[in-house]
Amino acid sequence: MANLQTTGYGCRAIETLGNTPATQGQSKYPIKSGLAVRILKNEPIGPQDGSGDIGYMQSLAPATMDDTGTGGASWDADATTPQTCVGVSNGAFYIDGTSKKPTWANSVAASQTFATNPNTGNSDGVVFVNDYPFQEYMMRMDLTMTNVATFVGDCLTIRMNQNNGGAGYEGQSTATLNYVTTDNDGHLWRVVRSGEVPEQEDVAAAGCDVVVVMNNRANQFIRDA
C-alpha cells in the first residue's frame, strides 16, 4: 500500500542511539548578517570555508551553499571542505536589521540583515544546533526501498535531497532523503532502521519514513581523519 504522504520534513529529532531518551540539548553557533542562502529548521548545518565567511554556519541542504560550495544531494564529506556537519538546525536568533527587535524564528531568509546586538557589540546572529553526534532523526525517503533490512545490514550511507524551495513550510525544511543505489562513506546519513510510522512504512513506495543517524565521516566530532 502506498504511503500517505511523500512531502519531506527535513531531520526530525527523536531518541538517540540505543533507544535512550534525547535531552534535546542545543548549542549556539554564529551566522552572518545578509546570508545569500537561507537557513531552515530541521536542516543539517556546517561551517563555511574560505570561499565564504569562514567559520560562520550555513545550511548544507541547498545545492549551492552560502560559501558557494556544493551541498544538497551532492554534499560529500570525502570531497567537501571543511568536511564536517555540526548538527541540525532548530531555529535562530538575531536582532532584526529593519525593526531592530530581538527575533527568534524557525528560519533565516536569504538577505536577512541583522542589526548590532547590544549584548555582543556585533551584528552576528546565532543558529541553535542539535550537535549531539549520536542523535537519531526521522526522515522521509524520496523513492522506494526494496527492503530496509538489506540497507541496514549493508550500513547504507545516504544523501539528503537539496531543498531550494524558499522558506519551506513556516520556516521548516521540506527536504527528503535521497535514495541512491551506490554506497559512499562520505554521504551525510546512515540508515538505522524503519521508522515504523503508520501509513508511512511501505518500503516499496516513495515516502517511507526511516530512522537515520549522522555518518561518522560527516561529523566533526567523530569523523575519520
Protein backbone atom coordinates (compact mmCIF):
# COMPACT_ATOMS: atom_id res chain seq x y z
CA MET A 1 0.00 0.00 0.00
CA ALA A 2 1.36 3.42 -0.91
CA ASN A 3 2.46 5.75 1.86
CA LEU A 4 0.05 8.51 2.84
CA GLN A 5 2.47 11.42 2.32
CA THR A 6 5.61 11.94 0.25
CA THR A 7 6.43 15.54 1.26
CA GLY A 8 9.60 15.76 3.31
CA TYR A 9 10.11 17.43 6.68
CA GLY A 10 13.86 17.51 6.95
CA CYS A 11 15.52 15.93 10.00
CA ARG A 12 13.06 15.38 12.85
CA ALA A 13 14.89 14.60 16.09
CA ILE A 14 13.66 11.54 18.02
CA GLU A 15 15.62 9.42 20.53
CA THR A 16 19.36 8.76 20.48
CA LEU A 17 21.30 5.64 19.53
CA GLY A 18 20.49 2.76 21.86
CA ASN A 19 16.88 3.97 22.23
CA THR A 20 17.87 6.29 25.07
CA PRO A 21 15.90 9.49 25.68
CA ALA A 22 17.17 12.60 23.95
CA THR A 23 17.83 15.65 26.11
CA GLN A 24 17.39 17.91 23.05
CA GLY A 25 20.37 19.96 24.20
CA GLN A 26 21.45 22.65 21.76
CA SER A 27 24.47 24.83 21.17
CA LYS A 28 24.70 28.32 19.68
CA TYR A 29 26.80 28.89 16.56
CA PRO A 30 27.33 32.21 14.73
CA ILE A 31 25.65 33.12 11.47
CA LYS A 32 26.47 36.11 9.29
CA SER A 33 24.15 39.01 8.54
CA GLY A 34 22.88 39.04 4.95
CA LEU A 35 23.35 35.36 4.12
CA ALA A 36 22.97 34.67 0.41
CA VAL A 37 21.28 31.31 1.13
CA ARG A 38 18.54 30.82 3.72
CA ILE A 39 18.75 28.54 6.78
CA LEU A 40 15.69 26.44 7.61
CA LYS A 41 14.78 24.48 10.72
CA ASN A 42 15.47 20.70 10.54
CA GLU A 43 18.32 21.00 8.07
CA PRO A 44 21.97 19.97 8.53
CA ILE A 45 24.32 22.79 9.48
CA GLY A 46 28.06 23.17 8.95
CA PRO A 47 30.76 25.86 8.86
CA GLN A 48 31.60 27.89 5.80
CA ASP A 49 35.07 27.60 4.33
CA GLY A 50 37.39 30.22 2.90
CA SER A 51 35.16 30.71 -0.15
CA GLY A 52 32.65 32.46 2.12
CA ASP A 53 32.60 33.82 5.65
CA ILE A 54 34.92 31.26 7.17
CA GLY A 55 33.75 29.73 10.44
CA TYR A 56 30.19 31.06 10.24
CA MET A 57 27.43 28.46 9.93
CA GLN A 58 25.41 27.66 6.80
CA SER A 59 22.78 25.16 5.70
CA LEU A 60 24.20 22.12 3.91
CA ALA A 61 20.88 21.30 2.21
CA PRO A 62 20.81 23.75 -0.75
CA ALA A 63 22.52 22.65 -3.96
CA THR A 64 24.83 25.66 -3.71
CA MET A 65 25.66 26.61 -0.14
CA ASP A 66 26.33 30.10 1.18
CA ASP A 67 30.10 29.71 0.72
CA THR A 68 29.45 28.62 -2.92
CA GLY A 69 30.35 25.01 -2.10
CA THR A 70 28.33 22.01 -3.29
CA GLY A 71 25.55 20.95 -0.95
CA GLY A 72 22.27 19.09 -1.12
CA ALA A 73 22.29 15.61 -2.63
CA SER A 74 25.85 16.17 -3.88
CA TRP A 75 27.35 17.05 -0.49
CA ASP A 76 30.16 14.60 0.18
CA ALA A 77 32.39 14.63 3.26
CA ASP A 78 35.15 12.96 1.25
CA ALA A 79 35.22 15.75 -1.32
CA THR A 80 33.83 18.77 0.55
CA THR A 81 35.86 21.24 2.57
CA PRO A 82 35.69 21.61 5.56
CA GLN A 83 34.30 18.03 5.56
CA THR A 84 32.04 18.46 8.53
CA CYS A 85 28.42 18.68 9.62
CA VAL A 86 27.97 20.19 13.07
CA GLY A 87 24.36 19.07 13.54
CA VAL A 88 20.78 20.04 12.71
CA SER A 89 19.23 23.50 12.95
CA ASN A 90 16.48 24.15 15.47
CA GLY A 91 15.91 27.85 14.89
CA ALA A 92 17.84 31.10 15.02
CA PHE A 93 18.10 34.36 16.98
CA TYR A 94 19.14 37.77 15.71
CA ILE A 95 18.41 41.49 16.03
CA ASP A 96 16.26 42.36 13.04
CA GLY A 97 18.04 44.81 10.76
CA THR A 98 14.85 46.76 9.99
CA SER A 99 12.78 46.68 13.18
CA LYS A 100 15.82 46.47 15.50
CA LYS A 101 13.83 43.99 17.58
CA PRO A 102 15.23 40.76 19.07
CA THR A 103 13.89 37.99 16.83
CA TRP A 104 13.66 34.22 17.27
CA ALA A 105 12.50 32.31 14.20
CA ASN A 106 12.48 28.84 12.68
CA SER A 107 14.40 30.16 9.70
CA VAL A 108 16.61 32.95 8.43
CA ALA A 109 15.63 34.19 4.99
CA ALA A 110 18.21 34.90 2.31
CA SER A 111 19.45 38.53 2.53
CA GLN A 112 18.02 38.97 6.03
CA THR A 113 20.16 41.64 7.68
CA PHE A 114 20.94 41.83 11.39
CA ALA A 115 21.38 44.94 13.49
CA THR A 116 24.02 45.28 16.21
CA ASN A 117 23.29 43.17 19.27
CA PRO A 118 23.87 45.39 22.34
CA ASN A 119 24.98 42.35 24.34
CA THR A 120 27.75 41.36 21.92
CA GLY A 121 28.56 44.61 20.12
CA ASN A 122 28.40 42.98 16.69
CA SER A 123 25.76 42.18 14.08
CA ASP A 124 26.15 38.40 14.13
CA GLY A 125 23.13 36.17 14.66
CA VAL A 126 23.13 32.68 16.12
CA VAL A 127 21.67 29.37 14.98
CA PHE A 128 20.67 26.81 17.60
CA VAL A 129 22.01 23.39 16.63
CA ASN A 130 21.38 19.91 17.95
CA ASP A 131 25.03 18.87 17.77
CA TYR A 132 24.93 15.55 19.60
CA PRO A 133 26.60 13.14 17.14
CA PHE A 134 24.51 10.13 18.27
CA GLN A 135 21.15 11.85 17.85
CA GLU A 136 18.69 9.87 15.73
CA TYR A 137 16.39 11.57 13.23
CA MET A 138 13.26 10.52 11.42
CA MET A 139 13.42 11.36 7.73
CA ARG A 140 11.29 10.65 4.67
CA MET A 141 12.64 8.72 1.68
CA ASP A 142 12.14 10.15 -1.81
CA LEU A 143 12.00 6.79 -3.64
CA THR A 144 11.21 3.16 -2.94
CA MET A 145 13.45 0.90 -0.87
CA THR A 146 13.13 -2.77 -1.72
CA ASN A 147 13.89 -3.95 1.81
CA VAL A 148 15.01 -1.67 4.62
CA ALA A 149 16.64 -4.63 6.40
CA THR A 150 19.00 -5.06 3.45
CA PHE A 151 20.13 -1.45 3.62
CA VAL A 152 20.58 -1.57 7.39
CA GLY A 153 22.64 -4.73 7.03
CA ASP A 154 24.82 -3.05 4.42
CA CYS A 155 25.18 0.01 6.68
CA LEU A 156 23.89 2.19 3.85
CA THR A 157 25.02 5.78 3.99
CA ILE A 158 22.71 8.13 2.18
CA ARG A 159 22.40 11.67 0.93
CA MET A 160 19.87 14.42 1.51
CA ASN A 161 17.94 15.97 -1.32
CA GLN A 162 18.76 19.58 -1.94
CA ASN A 163 16.00 21.87 -0.79
CA ASN A 164 15.89 25.14 -2.70
CA GLY A 165 12.19 25.75 -2.05
CA GLY A 166 12.50 29.17 -0.47
CA ALA A 167 11.04 29.45 3.03
CA GLY A 168 9.92 25.83 3.34
CA TYR A 169 6.80 25.31 5.45
CA GLU A 170 6.57 28.00 8.13
CA GLY A 171 10.35 28.15 8.16
CA GLN A 172 10.81 24.39 8.39
CA SER A 173 12.60 22.25 5.83
CA THR A 174 10.67 20.06 3.41
CA ALA A 175 13.78 18.13 2.32
CA THR A 176 13.73 14.36 1.84
CA LEU A 177 16.38 11.66 1.87
CA ASN A 178 17.97 10.99 -1.49
CA TYR A 179 17.91 7.27 -2.17
CA VAL A 180 20.90 6.07 -4.17
CA THR A 181 21.94 2.54 -5.05
CA THR A 182 25.65 3.24 -4.60
CA ASP A 183 27.16 3.48 -1.15
CA ASN A 184 29.67 6.15 -0.18
CA ASP A 185 31.46 6.72 3.12
CA GLY A 186 31.16 10.46 2.60
CA HIS A 187 27.37 10.60 2.47
CA LEU A 188 25.70 12.51 5.27
CA TRP A 189 23.32 9.96 6.86
CA ARG A 190 23.44 6.31 7.87
CA VAL A 191 20.16 4.34 7.80
CA VAL A 192 19.46 2.67 11.15
CA ARG A 193 16.01 1.10 10.74
CA SER A 194 12.44 1.62 9.54
CA GLY A 195 10.57 4.38 11.33
CA GLU A 196 7.50 2.10 11.67
CA VAL A 197 5.20 5.10 11.28
CA PRO A 198 1.62 4.02 10.48
CA GLU A 199 0.76 4.72 6.83
CA GLN A 200 4.41 5.71 6.20
CA GLU A 201 6.22 2.39 6.44
CA ASP A 202 5.80 0.89 2.97
CA VAL A 203 9.39 0.48 1.79
CA ALA A 204 8.15 -0.47 -1.69
CA ALA A 205 6.69 3.02 -2.21
CA ALA A 206 8.05 6.56 -2.09
CA GLY A 207 7.60 8.35 1.22
CA CYS A 208 8.73 5.66 3.64
CA ASP A 209 9.89 7.10 6.97
CA VAL A 210 13.23 5.77 8.20
CA VAL A 211 15.49 6.43 11.16
CA VAL A 212 18.95 7.78 10.41
CA VAL A 213 21.98 8.93 12.37
CA MET A 214 24.78 11.16 11.21
CA ASN A 215 27.50 9.31 9.34
CA ASN A 216 30.73 9.48 11.34
CA ARG A 217 32.75 10.78 8.40
CA ALA A 218 30.36 13.71 8.06
CA ASN A 219 30.59 14.84 11.68
CA GLN A 220 33.43 16.94 13.05
CA PHE A 221 33.47 15.29 16.47
CA ILE A 222 33.89 11.67 15.41
CA ARG A 223 34.76 11.67 11.69
CA ASP A 224 37.84 9.86 10.44
CA ALA A 225 40.95 11.94 9.88
